[in-house]
């Protein structure tokens, strides 16, 4: 049985920066991978299987955020892209989304908390 909990958090300024970076990187990787998939499909008429790890050498700042958040963006894109072949094409993510959510692992959260405690926040 799976359980889900919803929490209202009051992040420190350092944690707010971490959340902003994570949301931005997830949105970037989703849109960039979508663009590459569309270009590849137009050229070859085949699906491209790309991963966020392939972009980390070109965009070093992607290494600063939780890799599982980027992997979830890849899974969401893959679901949307597969649905494209059934009905309609996926759309880019925008900053005006009604709710920005990203799954955060326990280890990433512990790292964020411990780094804020070390800095005295």
PDB file of N, CA and C in Angstrom:
ATOM      1  N   UNK A   1       0.842  -1.176   0.000  1.00  0.00           N
ATOM      2  CA  UNK A   1       0.000   0.000   0.000  1.00  0.00           C
ATOM      3  C   UNK A   1       0.888   1.241   0.000  1.00  0.00           C
ATOM      4  N   UNK A   2       0.689   2.123  -0.939  1.00  0.00           N
ATOM      5  CA  UNK A   2       1.450   3.367  -1.027  1.00  0.00           C
ATOM      6  C   UNK A   2       0.716   4.481  -0.297  1.00  0.00           C
ATOM      7  N   UNK A   3       1.481   5.313   0.363  1.00  0.00           N
ATOM      8  CA  UNK A   3       0.911   6.466   1.039  1.00  0.00           C
ATOM      9  C   UNK A   3       1.561   7.722   0.504  1.00  0.00           C
ATOM     10  N   UNK A   4       0.802   8.772   0.455  1.00  0.00           N
ATOM     11  CA  UNK A   4       1.334  10.062   0.028  1.00  0.00           C
ATOM     12  C   UNK A   4       1.033  11.082   1.114  1.00  0.00           C
ATOM     13  N   UNK A   5       1.982  11.924   1.358  1.00  0.00           N
ATOM     14  CA  UNK A   5       1.813  12.980   2.348  1.00  0.00           C
ATOM     15  C   UNK A   5       2.033  14.321   1.669  1.00  0.00           C
ATOM     16  N   UNK A   6       1.264  15.285   2.056  1.00  0.00           N
ATOM     17  CA  UNK A   6       1.397  16.633   1.541  1.00  0.00           C
ATOM     18  C   UNK A   6       1.847  17.519   2.690  1.00  0.00           C
ATOM     19  N   UNK A   7       2.933  18.254   2.469  1.00  0.00           N
ATOM     20  CA  UNK A   7       3.473  19.113   3.512  1.00  0.00           C
ATOM     21  C   UNK A   7       3.562  20.542   3.021  1.00  0.00           C
ATOM     22  N   UNK A   8       3.347  21.459   3.897  1.00  0.00           N
ATOM     23  CA  UNK A   8       3.609  22.870   3.634  1.00  0.00           C
ATOM     24  C   UNK A   8       4.975  23.134   4.234  1.00  0.00           C
ATOM     25  N   UNK A   9       5.906  23.566   3.409  1.00  0.00           N
ATOM     26  CA  UNK A   9       7.250  23.791   3.910  1.00  0.00           C
ATOM     27  C   UNK A   9       7.574  25.279   3.893  1.00  0.00           C
ATOM     28  N   UNK A  10       8.471  25.645   4.739  1.00  0.00           N
ATOM     29  CA  UNK A  10       8.958  27.022   4.822  1.00  0.00           C
ATOM     30  C   UNK A  10      10.468  26.977   4.630  1.00  0.00           C
ATOM     31  N   UNK A  11      10.889  26.939   3.372  1.00  0.00           N
ATOM     32  CA  UNK A  11      12.319  26.746   3.111  1.00  0.00           C
ATOM     33  C   UNK A  11      13.145  27.977   3.463  1.00  0.00           C
ATOM     34  N   UNK A  12      14.405  27.707   3.759  1.00  0.00           N
ATOM     35  CA  UNK A  12      15.356  28.787   3.984  1.00  0.00           C
ATOM     36  C   UNK A  12      15.686  29.411   2.629  1.00  0.00           C
ATOM     37  N   UNK A  13      16.409  30.493   2.637  1.00  0.00           N
ATOM     38  CA  UNK A  13      16.753  31.149   1.371  1.00  0.00           C
ATOM     39  C   UNK A  13      17.636  30.241   0.509  1.00  0.00           C
ATOM     40  N   UNK A  14      18.499  29.476   1.141  1.00  0.00           N
ATOM     41  CA  UNK A  14      19.349  28.550   0.388  1.00  0.00           C
ATOM     42  C   UNK A  14      18.509  27.432  -0.237  1.00  0.00           C
ATOM     43  N   UNK A  15      17.529  26.936   0.495  1.00  0.00           N
ATOM     44  CA  UNK A  15      16.655  25.895  -0.038  1.00  0.00           C
ATOM     45  C   UNK A  15      15.755  26.437  -1.142  1.00  0.00           C
ATOM     46  N   UNK A  16      15.340  27.702  -1.035  1.00  0.00           N
ATOM     47  CA  UNK A  16      14.552  28.318  -2.110  1.00  0.00           C
ATOM     48  C   UNK A  16      15.350  28.346  -3.405  1.00  0.00           C
ATOM     49  N   UNK A  17      16.639  28.643  -3.292  1.00  0.00           N
ATOM     50  CA  UNK A  17      17.512  28.652  -4.474  1.00  0.00           C
ATOM     51  C   UNK A  17      17.600  27.249  -5.062  1.00  0.00           C
ATOM     52  N   UNK A  18      17.738  26.234  -4.181  1.00  0.00           N
ATOM     53  CA  UNK A  18      17.816  24.860  -4.649  1.00  0.00           C
ATOM     54  C   UNK A  18      16.539  24.454  -5.381  1.00  0.00           C
ATOM     55  N   UNK A  19      15.372  24.831  -4.830  1.00  0.00           N
ATOM     56  CA  UNK A  19      14.104  24.518  -5.490  1.00  0.00           C
ATOM     57  C   UNK A  19      14.000  25.229  -6.839  1.00  0.00           C
ATOM     58  N   UNK A  20      14.392  26.492  -6.883  1.00  0.00           N
ATOM     59  CA  UNK A  20      14.321  27.251  -8.134  1.00  0.00           C
ATOM     60  C   UNK A  20      15.223  26.626  -9.197  1.00  0.00           C
ATOM     61  N   UNK A  21      16.423  26.217  -8.795  1.00  0.00           N
ATOM     62  CA  UNK A  21      17.335  25.556  -9.737  1.00  0.00           C
ATOM     63  C   UNK A  21      16.742  24.243 -10.232  1.00  0.00           C
ATOM     64  N   UNK A  22      16.155  23.481  -9.307  1.00  0.00           N
ATOM     65  CA  UNK A  22      15.584  22.183  -9.688  1.00  0.00           C
ATOM     66  C   UNK A  22      14.426  22.360 -10.664  1.00  0.00           C
ATOM     67  N   UNK A  23      13.502  23.283 -10.352  1.00  0.00           N
ATOM     68  CA  UNK A  23      12.381  23.528 -11.266  1.00  0.00           C
ATOM     69  C   UNK A  23      12.878  23.997 -12.631  1.00  0.00           C
ATOM     70  N   UNK A  24      13.843  24.892 -12.637  1.00  0.00           N
ATOM     71  CA  UNK A  24      14.375  25.408 -13.894  1.00  0.00           C
ATOM     72  C   UNK A  24      15.063  24.334 -14.712  1.00  0.00           C
ATOM     73  N   UNK A  25      15.863  23.489 -14.057  1.00  0.00           N
ATOM     74  CA  UNK A  25      16.576  22.429 -14.771  1.00  0.00           C
ATOM     75  C   UNK A  25      15.622  21.368 -15.302  1.00  0.00           C
ATOM     76  N   UNK A  26      14.588  21.038 -14.527  1.00  0.00           N
ATOM     77  CA  UNK A  26      13.601  20.059 -14.990  1.00  0.00           C
ATOM     78  C   UNK A  26      12.875  20.596 -16.223  1.00  0.00           C
ATOM     79  N   UNK A  27      12.480  21.860 -16.171  1.00  0.00           N
ATOM     80  CA  UNK A  27      11.800  22.472 -17.312  1.00  0.00           C
ATOM     81  C   UNK A  27      12.734  22.532 -18.525  1.00  0.00           C
ATOM     82  N   UNK A  28      14.006  22.903 -18.295  1.00  0.00           N
ATOM     83  CA  UNK A  28      14.976  22.994 -19.379  1.00  0.00           C
ATOM     84  C   UNK A  28      15.196  21.640 -20.035  1.00  0.00           C
ATOM     85  N   UNK A  29      15.424  20.603 -19.226  1.00  0.00           N
ATOM     86  CA  UNK A  29      15.736  19.292 -19.782  1.00  0.00           C
ATOM     87  C   UNK A  29      14.541  18.731 -20.534  1.00  0.00           C
ATOM     88  N   UNK A  30      13.334  18.946 -20.018  1.00  0.00           N
ATOM     89  CA  UNK A  30      12.118  18.484 -20.694  1.00  0.00           C
ATOM     90  C   UNK A  30      12.004  19.146 -22.065  1.00  0.00           C
ATOM     91  N   UNK A  31      12.123  20.470 -22.102  1.00  0.00           N
ATOM     92  CA  UNK A  31      11.961  21.194 -23.361  1.00  0.00           C
ATOM     93  C   UNK A  31      13.086  20.892 -24.341  1.00  0.00           C
ATOM     94  N   UNK A  32      14.312  20.772 -23.839  1.00  0.00           N
ATOM     95  CA  UNK A  32      15.459  20.503 -24.717  1.00  0.00           C
ATOM     96  C   UNK A  32      15.373  19.092 -25.303  1.00  0.00           C
ATOM     97  N   UNK A  33      15.027  18.124 -24.464  1.00  0.00           N
ATOM     98  CA  UNK A  33      14.891  16.759 -24.965  1.00  0.00           C
ATOM     99  C   UNK A  33      13.734  16.649 -25.952  1.00  0.00           C
ATOM    100  N   UNK A  34      12.642  17.371 -25.700  1.00  0.00           N
ATOM    101  CA  UNK A  34      11.517  17.376 -26.634  1.00  0.00           C
ATOM    102  C   UNK A  34      11.933  17.943 -27.987  1.00  0.00           C
ATOM    103  N   UNK A  35      12.671  19.027 -27.960  1.00  0.00           N
ATOM    104  CA  UNK A  35      13.151  19.643 -29.201  1.00  0.00           C
ATOM    105  C   UNK A  35      14.035  18.672 -29.986  1.00  0.00           C
ATOM    106  N   UNK A  36      14.952  18.003 -29.290  1.00  0.00           N
ATOM    107  CA  UNK A  36      15.829  17.036 -29.957  1.00  0.00           C
ATOM    108  C   UNK A  36      15.050  15.853 -30.512  1.00  0.00           C
ATOM    109  N   UNK A  37      14.049  15.384 -29.765  1.00  0.00           N
ATOM    110  CA  UNK A  37      13.224  14.265 -30.245  1.00  0.00           C
ATOM    111  C   UNK A  37      12.461  14.644 -31.515  1.00  0.00           C
ATOM    112  N   UNK A  38      11.922  15.860 -31.534  1.00  0.00           N
ATOM    113  CA  UNK A  38      11.161  16.317 -32.708  1.00  0.00           C
ATOM    114  C   UNK A  38      12.072  16.446 -33.921  1.00  0.00           C
ATOM    115  N   UNK A  39      13.255  17.063 -33.745  1.00  0.00           N
ATOM    116  CA  UNK A  39      14.208  17.204 -34.863  1.00  0.00           C
ATOM    117  C   UNK A  39      14.628  15.841 -35.403  1.00  0.00           C
ATOM    118  N   UNK A  40      14.956  14.924 -34.502  1.00  0.00           N
ATOM    119  CA  UNK A  40      15.403  13.591 -34.905  1.00  0.00           C
ATOM    120  C   UNK A  40      14.292  12.859 -35.650  1.00  0.00           C
ATOM    121  N   UNK A  41      13.061  12.980 -35.159  1.00  0.00           N
ATOM    122  CA  UNK A  41      11.946  12.305 -35.819  1.00  0.00           C
ATOM    123  C   UNK A  41      11.689  12.879 -37.209  1.00  0.00           C
ATOM    124  N   UNK A  42      11.804  14.209 -37.348  1.00  0.00           N
ATOM    125  CA  UNK A  42      11.585  14.827 -38.662  1.00  0.00           C
ATOM    126  C   UNK A  42      12.637  14.387 -39.669  1.00  0.00           C
ATOM    127  N   UNK A  43      13.862  14.157 -39.192  1.00  0.00           N
ATOM    128  CA  UNK A  43      14.944  13.757 -40.091  1.00  0.00           C
ATOM    129  C   UNK A  43      14.906  12.271 -40.441  1.00  0.00           C
ATOM    130  N   UNK A  44      14.622  11.422 -39.450  1.00  0.00           N
ATOM    131  CA  UNK A  44      14.765   9.982 -39.661  1.00  0.00           C
ATOM    132  C   UNK A  44      13.458   9.197 -39.605  1.00  0.00           C
ATOM    133  N   UNK A  45      12.392   9.818 -39.099  1.00  0.00           N
ATOM    134  CA  UNK A  45      11.108   9.136 -38.886  1.00  0.00           C
ATOM    135  C   UNK A  45      11.244   7.982 -37.890  1.00  0.00           C
ATOM    136  N   UNK A  46      12.206   8.101 -36.956  1.00  0.00           N
ATOM    137  CA  UNK A  46      12.383   7.132 -35.887  1.00  0.00           C
ATOM    138  C   UNK A  46      12.412   7.873 -34.561  1.00  0.00           C
ATOM    139  N   UNK A  47      12.121   7.138 -33.487  1.00  0.00           N
ATOM    140  CA  UNK A  47      12.137   7.744 -32.159  1.00  0.00           C
ATOM    141  C   UNK A  47      13.571   7.831 -31.636  1.00  0.00           C
ATOM    142  N   UNK A  48      13.852   8.920 -30.942  1.00  0.00           N
ATOM    143  CA  UNK A  48      15.157   9.120 -30.304  1.00  0.00           C
ATOM    144  C   UNK A  48      15.042   8.770 -28.833  1.00  0.00           C
ATOM    145  N   UNK A  49      15.950   7.935 -28.345  1.00  0.00           N
ATOM    146  CA  UNK A  49      15.985   7.590 -26.924  1.00  0.00           C
ATOM    147  C   UNK A  49      17.153   8.339 -26.282  1.00  0.00           C
ATOM    148  N   UNK A  50      16.876   9.536 -25.800  1.00  0.00           N
ATOM    149  CA  UNK A  50      17.912  10.329 -25.150  1.00  0.00           C
ATOM    150  C   UNK A  50      17.661  10.374 -23.649  1.00  0.00           C
ATOM    151  N   UNK A  51      18.723  10.658 -22.895  1.00  0.00           N
ATOM    152  CA  UNK A  51      18.634  10.702 -21.440  1.00  0.00           C
ATOM    153  C   UNK A  51      19.217  12.022 -20.941  1.00  0.00           C
ATOM    154  N   UNK A  52      18.847  12.447 -19.736  1.00  0.00           N
ATOM    155  CA  UNK A  52      19.423  13.676 -19.176  1.00  0.00           C
ATOM    156  C   UNK A  52      20.934  13.589 -19.015  1.00  0.00           C
ATOM    157  N   UNK A  53      21.474  12.397 -18.800  1.00  0.00           N
ATOM    158  CA  UNK A  53      22.916  12.240 -18.616  1.00  0.00           C
ATOM    159  C   UNK A  53      23.688  12.679 -19.860  1.00  0.00           C
ATOM    160  N   UNK A  54      23.090  12.569 -21.020  1.00  0.00           N
ATOM    161  CA  UNK A  54      23.758  12.970 -22.258  1.00  0.00           C
ATOM    162  C   UNK A  54      23.948  14.480 -22.349  1.00  0.00           C
ATOM    163  N   UNK A  55      23.179  15.245 -21.594  1.00  0.00           N
ATOM    164  CA  UNK A  55      23.249  16.694 -21.644  1.00  0.00           C
ATOM    165  C   UNK A  55      24.148  17.276 -20.554  1.00  0.00           C
ATOM    166  N   UNK A  56      24.534  16.463 -19.581  1.00  0.00           N
ATOM    167  CA  UNK A  56      25.305  16.974 -18.447  1.00  0.00           C
ATOM    168  C   UNK A  56      26.719  17.394 -18.824  1.00  0.00           C
ATOM    169  N   UNK A  57      27.293  16.803 -19.861  1.00  0.00           N
ATOM    170  CA  UNK A  57      28.638  17.221 -20.281  1.00  0.00           C
ATOM    171  C   UNK A  57      28.588  18.582 -20.973  1.00  0.00           C
ATOM    172  N   UNK A  58      27.513  18.852 -21.691  1.00  0.00           N
ATOM    173  CA  UNK A  58      27.357  20.129 -22.389  1.00  0.00           C
ATOM    174  C   UNK A  58      26.886  21.232 -21.445  1.00  0.00           C
ATOM    175  N   UNK A  59      26.017  20.885 -20.538  1.00  0.00           N
ATOM    176  CA  UNK A  59      25.458  21.843 -19.585  1.00  0.00           C
ATOM    177  C   UNK A  59      25.854  21.408 -18.178  1.00  0.00           C
ATOM    178  N   UNK A  60      26.998  21.862 -17.716  1.00  0.00           N
ATOM    179  CA  UNK A  60      27.560  21.456 -16.428  1.00  0.00           C
ATOM    180  C   UNK A  60      26.624  21.754 -15.255  1.00  0.00           C
ATOM    181  N   UNK A  61      25.840  22.809 -15.353  1.00  0.00           N
ATOM    182  CA  UNK A  61      24.974  23.212 -14.240  1.00  0.00           C
ATOM    183  C   UNK A  61      23.843  22.219 -13.991  1.00  0.00           C
ATOM    184  N   UNK A  62      23.609  21.277 -14.900  1.00  0.00           N
ATOM    185  CA  UNK A  62      22.600  20.242 -14.657  1.00  0.00           C
ATOM    186  C   UNK A  62      23.055  19.276 -13.558  1.00  0.00           C
ATOM    187  N   UNK A  63      24.354  19.256 -13.275  1.00  0.00           N
ATOM    188  CA  UNK A  63      24.879  18.371 -12.236  1.00  0.00           C
ATOM    189  C   UNK A  63      24.574  18.891 -10.837  1.00  0.00           C
ATOM    190  N   UNK A  64      24.139  20.132 -10.720  1.00  0.00           N
ATOM    191  CA  UNK A  64      23.881  20.737  -9.415  1.00  0.00           C
ATOM    192  C   UNK A  64      22.566  20.281  -8.791  1.00  0.00           C
ATOM    193  N   UNK A  65      21.658  19.737  -9.588  1.00  0.00           N
ATOM    194  CA  UNK A  65      20.333  19.364  -9.073  1.00  0.00           C
ATOM    195  C   UNK A  65      20.219  17.853  -8.960  1.00  0.00           C
ATOM    196  N   UNK A  66      19.173  17.408  -8.290  1.00  0.00           N
ATOM    197  CA  UNK A  66      18.926  15.990  -8.073  1.00  0.00           C
ATOM    198  C   UNK A  66      18.716  15.282  -9.411  1.00  0.00           C
ATOM    199  N   UNK A  67      19.487  14.228  -9.657  1.00  0.00           N
ATOM    200  CA  UNK A  67      19.400  13.523 -10.936  1.00  0.00           C
ATOM    201  C   UNK A  67      18.060  12.800 -11.095  1.00  0.00           C
ATOM    202  N   UNK A  68      17.430  12.423  -9.983  1.00  0.00           N
ATOM    203  CA  UNK A  68      16.137  11.745 -10.089  1.00  0.00           C
ATOM    204  C   UNK A  68      15.033  12.705 -10.532  1.00  0.00           C
ATOM    205  N   UNK A  69      15.177  13.977 -10.223  1.00  0.00           N
ATOM    206  CA  UNK A  69      14.209  14.957 -10.715  1.00  0.00           C
ATOM    207  C   UNK A  69      14.310  15.055 -12.239  1.00  0.00           C
ATOM    208  N   UNK A  70      15.541  15.017 -12.760  1.00  0.00           N
ATOM    209  CA  UNK A  70      15.730  15.046 -14.214  1.00  0.00           C
ATOM    210  C   UNK A  70      15.239  13.750 -14.849  1.00  0.00           C
ATOM    211  N   UNK A  71      15.437  12.635 -14.164  1.00  0.00           N
ATOM    212  CA  UNK A  71      14.954  11.348 -14.684  1.00  0.00           C
ATOM    213  C   UNK A  71      13.430  11.329 -14.735  1.00  0.00           C
ATOM    214  N   UNK A  72      12.783  11.947 -13.755  1.00  0.00           N
ATOM    215  CA  UNK A  72      11.323  12.027 -13.782  1.00  0.00           C
ATOM    216  C   UNK A  72      10.849  12.902 -14.935  1.00  0.00           C
ATOM    217  N   UNK A  73      11.591  13.953 -15.248  1.00  0.00           N
ATOM    218  CA  UNK A  73      11.249  14.783 -16.412  1.00  0.00           C
ATOM    219  C   UNK A  73      11.343  13.949 -17.686  1.00  0.00           C
ATOM    220  N   UNK A  74      12.372  13.094 -17.760  1.00  0.00           N
ATOM    221  CA  UNK A  74      12.525  12.222 -18.920  1.00  0.00           C
ATOM    222  C   UNK A  74      11.352  11.249 -19.025  1.00  0.00           C
ATOM    223  N   UNK A  75      10.937  10.668 -17.899  1.00  0.00           N
ATOM    224  CA  UNK A  75       9.810   9.728 -17.926  1.00  0.00           C
ATOM    225  C   UNK A  75       8.519  10.437 -18.324  1.00  0.00           C
ATOM    226  N   UNK A  76       8.301  11.644 -17.809  1.00  0.00           N
ATOM    227  CA  UNK A  76       7.103  12.402 -18.182  1.00  0.00           C
ATOM    228  C   UNK A  76       7.106  12.731 -19.664  1.00  0.00           C
ATOM    229  N   UNK A  77       8.280  13.100 -20.185  1.00  0.00           N
ATOM    230  CA  UNK A  77       8.389  13.401 -21.613  1.00  0.00           C
ATOM    231  C   UNK A  77       8.144  12.151 -22.442  1.00  0.00           C
ATOM    232  N   UNK A  78       8.703  11.022 -22.012  1.00  0.00           N
ATOM    233  CA  UNK A  78       8.534   9.780 -22.767  1.00  0.00           C
ATOM    234  C   UNK A  78       7.057   9.391 -22.833  1.00  0.00           C
ATOM    235  N   UNK A  79       6.340   9.564 -21.724  1.00  0.00           N
ATOM    236  CA  UNK A  79       4.906   9.272 -21.711  1.00  0.00           C
ATOM    237  C   UNK A  79       4.169  10.199 -22.675  1.00  0.00           C
ATOM    238  N   UNK A  80       4.478  11.487 -22.616  1.00  0.00           N
ATOM    239  CA  UNK A  80       3.821  12.446 -23.509  1.00  0.00           C
ATOM    240  C   UNK A  80       4.165  12.166 -24.971  1.00  0.00           C
ATOM    241  N   UNK A  81       5.428  11.811 -25.227  1.00  0.00           N
ATOM    242  CA  UNK A  81       5.864  11.554 -26.602  1.00  0.00           C
ATOM    243  C   UNK A  81       5.212  10.292 -27.154  1.00  0.00           C
ATOM    244  N   UNK A  82       5.079   9.262 -26.328  1.00  0.00           N
ATOM    245  CA  UNK A  82       4.399   8.047 -26.785  1.00  0.00           C
ATOM    246  C   UNK A  82       2.923   8.318 -27.043  1.00  0.00           C
ATOM    247  N   UNK A  83       2.322   9.183 -26.233  1.00  0.00           N
ATOM    248  CA  UNK A  83       0.928   9.550 -26.462  1.00  0.00           C
ATOM    249  C   UNK A  83       0.761  10.332 -27.765  1.00  0.00           C
ATOM    250  N   UNK A  84       1.817  11.002 -28.207  1.00  0.00           N
ATOM    251  CA  UNK A  84       1.796  11.739 -29.471  1.00  0.00           C
ATOM    252  C   UNK A  84       1.411  10.816 -30.619  1.00  0.00           C
ATOM    253  N   UNK A  85       1.923   9.603 -30.589  1.00  0.00           N
ATOM    254  CA  UNK A  85       1.645   8.686 -31.681  1.00  0.00           C
ATOM    255  C   UNK A  85       0.230   8.130 -31.603  1.00  0.00           C
ATOM    256  N   UNK A  86      -0.417   8.364 -30.463  1.00  0.00           N
ATOM    257  CA  UNK A  86      -1.814   7.943 -30.326  1.00  0.00           C
ATOM    258  C   UNK A  86      -2.773   9.099 -30.614  1.00  0.00           C
ATOM    259  N   UNK A  87      -2.415  10.322 -30.196  1.00  0.00           N
ATOM    260  CA  UNK A  87      -3.375  11.420 -30.360  1.00  0.00           C
ATOM    261  C   UNK A  87      -2.706  12.746 -30.720  1.00  0.00           C
ATOM    262  N   UNK A  88      -2.126  13.463 -29.737  1.00  0.00           N
ATOM    263  CA  UNK A  88      -1.599  14.796 -30.028  1.00  0.00           C
ATOM    264  C   UNK A  88      -0.175  14.949 -29.524  1.00  0.00           C
ATOM    265  N   UNK A  89       0.516  15.937 -30.046  1.00  0.00           N
ATOM    266  CA  UNK A  89       1.921  16.131 -29.701  1.00  0.00           C
ATOM    267  C   UNK A  89       2.083  16.800 -28.340  1.00  0.00           C
ATOM    268  N   UNK A  90       3.204  16.525 -27.657  1.00  0.00           N
ATOM    269  CA  UNK A  90       3.448  17.149 -26.358  1.00  0.00           C
ATOM    270  C   UNK A  90       3.772  18.626 -26.507  1.00  0.00           C
ATOM    271  N   UNK A  91       3.481  19.411 -25.469  1.00  0.00           N
ATOM    272  CA  UNK A  91       3.752  20.846 -25.480  1.00  0.00           C
ATOM    273  C   UNK A  91       4.919  21.145 -24.554  1.00  0.00           C
ATOM    274  N   UNK A  92       5.576  22.262 -24.818  1.00  0.00           N
ATOM    275  CA  UNK A  92       6.644  22.716 -23.933  1.00  0.00           C
ATOM    276  C   UNK A  92       6.074  23.067 -22.574  1.00  0.00           C
ATOM    277  N   UNK A  93       6.895  22.924 -21.535  1.00  0.00           N
ATOM    278  CA  UNK A  93       6.500  23.354 -20.205  1.00  0.00           C
ATOM    279  C   UNK A  93       6.788  24.843 -20.083  1.00  0.00           C
ATOM    280  N   UNK A  94       5.957  25.536 -19.339  1.00  0.00           N
ATOM    281  CA  UNK A  94       6.136  26.966 -19.161  1.00  0.00           C
ATOM    282  C   UNK A  94       6.302  27.305 -17.695  1.00  0.00           C
ATOM    283  N   UNK A  95       6.730  28.516 -17.446  1.00  0.00           N
ATOM    284  CA  UNK A  95       6.869  28.965 -16.064  1.00  0.00           C
ATOM    285  C   UNK A  95       5.527  29.353 -15.490  1.00  0.00           C
ATOM    286  N   UNK A  96       4.512  29.519 -16.326  1.00  0.00           N
ATOM    287  CA  UNK A  96       3.184  29.896 -15.853  1.00  0.00           C
ATOM    288  C   UNK A  96       2.349  28.684 -15.466  1.00  0.00           C
ATOM    289  N   UNK A  97       2.985  27.552 -15.252  1.00  0.00           N
ATOM    290  CA  UNK A  97       2.249  26.349 -14.857  1.00  0.00           C
ATOM    291  C   UNK A  97       1.503  26.616 -13.558  1.00  0.00           C
ATOM    292  N   UNK A  98       0.327  26.042 -13.446  1.00  0.00           N
ATOM    293  CA  UNK A  98      -0.491  26.315 -12.261  1.00  0.00           C
ATOM    294  C   UNK A  98       0.174  25.815 -10.991  1.00  0.00           C
ATOM    295  N   UNK A  99       0.887  24.746 -11.052  1.00  0.00           N
ATOM    296  CA  UNK A  99       1.580  24.239  -9.868  1.00  0.00           C
ATOM    297  C   UNK A  99       2.877  23.586 -10.264  1.00  0.00           C
ATOM    298  N   UNK A 100       3.976  24.077  -9.742  1.00  0.00           N
ATOM    299  CA  UNK A 100       5.258  23.470 -10.044  1.00  0.00           C
ATOM    300  C   UNK A 100       5.511  22.387  -9.012  1.00  0.00           C
ATOM    301  N   UNK A 101       5.624  21.161  -9.474  1.00  0.00           N
ATOM    302  CA  UNK A 101       5.907  20.056  -8.572  1.00  0.00           C
ATOM    303  C   UNK A 101       7.073  19.267  -9.131  1.00  0.00           C
ATOM    304  N   UNK A 102       7.845  18.735  -8.235  1.00  0.00           N
ATOM    305  CA  UNK A 102       8.931  17.849  -8.624  1.00  0.00           C
ATOM    306  C   UNK A 102       9.155  16.879  -7.472  1.00  0.00           C
ATOM    307  N   UNK A 103       9.257  15.581  -7.773  1.00  0.00           N
ATOM    308  CA  UNK A 103       9.531  14.632  -6.702  1.00  0.00           C
ATOM    309  C   UNK A 103      10.955  14.806  -6.205  1.00  0.00           C
ATOM    310  N   UNK A 104      11.138  14.866  -4.911  1.00  0.00           N
ATOM    311  CA  UNK A 104      12.469  15.029  -4.330  1.00  0.00           C
ATOM    312  C   UNK A 104      12.743  13.813  -3.463  1.00  0.00           C
ATOM    313  N   UNK A 105      13.907  13.211  -3.682  1.00  0.00           N
ATOM    314  CA  UNK A 105      14.263  12.027  -2.913  1.00  0.00           C
ATOM    315  C   UNK A 105      14.663  12.418  -1.501  1.00  0.00           C
ATOM    316  N   UNK A 106      14.604  11.452  -0.621  1.00  0.00           N
ATOM    317  CA  UNK A 106      14.983  11.682   0.774  1.00  0.00           C
ATOM    318  C   UNK A 106      16.443  12.118   0.859  1.00  0.00           C
ATOM    319  N   UNK A 107      17.316  11.496   0.078  1.00  0.00           N
ATOM    320  CA  UNK A 107      18.736  11.842   0.152  1.00  0.00           C
ATOM    321  C   UNK A 107      18.977  13.272  -0.318  1.00  0.00           C
ATOM    322  N   UNK A 108      18.258  13.714  -1.332  1.00  0.00           N
ATOM    323  CA  UNK A 108      18.422  15.096  -1.804  1.00  0.00           C
ATOM    324  C   UNK A 108      17.924  16.076  -0.757  1.00  0.00           C
ATOM    325  N   UNK A 109      16.833  15.735  -0.100  1.00  0.00           N
ATOM    326  CA  UNK A 109      16.277  16.613   0.930  1.00  0.00           C
ATOM    327  C   UNK A 109      17.216  16.673   2.130  1.00  0.00           C
ATOM    328  N   UNK A 110      17.785  15.517   2.530  1.00  0.00           N
ATOM    329  CA  UNK A 110      18.722  15.494   3.647  1.00  0.00           C
ATOM    330  C   UNK A 110      19.959  16.327   3.326  1.00  0.00           C
ATOM    331  N   UNK A 111      20.426  16.271   2.078  1.00  0.00           N
ATOM    332  CA  UNK A 111      21.581  17.064   1.668  1.00  0.00           C
ATOM    333  C   UNK A 111      21.268  18.543   1.768  1.00  0.00           C
ATOM    334  N   UNK A 112      20.089  18.940   1.330  1.00  0.00           N
ATOM    335  CA  UNK A 112      19.704  20.353   1.378  1.00  0.00           C
ATOM    336  C   UNK A 112      19.590  20.836   2.818  1.00  0.00           C
ATOM    337  N   UNK A 113      19.041  20.000   3.669  1.00  0.00           N
ATOM    338  CA  UNK A 113      18.880  20.387   5.069  1.00  0.00           C
ATOM    339  C   UNK A 113      20.229  20.461   5.766  1.00  0.00           C
ATOM    340  N   UNK A 114      21.091  19.458   5.529  1.00  0.00           N
ATOM    341  CA  UNK A 114      22.377  19.449   6.213  1.00  0.00           C
ATOM    342  C   UNK A 114      23.265  20.596   5.746  1.00  0.00           C
ATOM    343  N   UNK A 115      23.179  20.966   4.456  1.00  0.00           N
ATOM    344  CA  UNK A 115      23.999  22.082   3.975  1.00  0.00           C
ATOM    345  C   UNK A 115      23.516  23.400   4.568  1.00  0.00           C
ATOM    346  N   UNK A 116      22.213  23.543   4.814  1.00  0.00           N
ATOM    347  CA  UNK A 116      21.719  24.776   5.410  1.00  0.00           C
ATOM    348  C   UNK A 116      22.074  24.826   6.897  1.00  0.00           C
ATOM    349  N   UNK A 117      22.143  23.679   7.549  1.00  0.00           N
ATOM    350  CA  UNK A 117      22.524  23.647   8.954  1.00  0.00           C
ATOM    351  C   UNK A 117      24.009  23.969   9.134  1.00  0.00           C
ATOM    352  N   UNK A 118      24.832  23.503   8.187  1.00  0.00           N
ATOM    353  CA  UNK A 118      26.265  23.790   8.262  1.00  0.00           C
ATOM    354  C   UNK A 118      26.555  25.266   8.051  1.00  0.00           C
ATOM    355  N   UNK A 119      25.742  25.906   7.205  1.00  0.00           N
ATOM    356  CA  UNK A 119      25.971  27.319   6.929  1.00  0.00           C
ATOM    357  C   UNK A 119      25.343  28.209   8.002  1.00  0.00           C
ATOM    358  N   UNK A 120      24.667  27.599   8.966  1.00  0.00           N
ATOM    359  CA  UNK A 120      24.107  28.352  10.092  1.00  0.00           C
ATOM    360  C   UNK A 120      22.759  28.977   9.823  1.00  0.00           C
ATOM    361  N   UNK A 121      22.045  28.499   8.808  1.00  0.00           N
ATOM    362  CA  UNK A 121      20.705  29.046   8.498  1.00  0.00           C
ATOM    363  C   UNK A 121      19.645  28.404   9.323  1.00  0.00           C
TER     364      UNK A 121
END
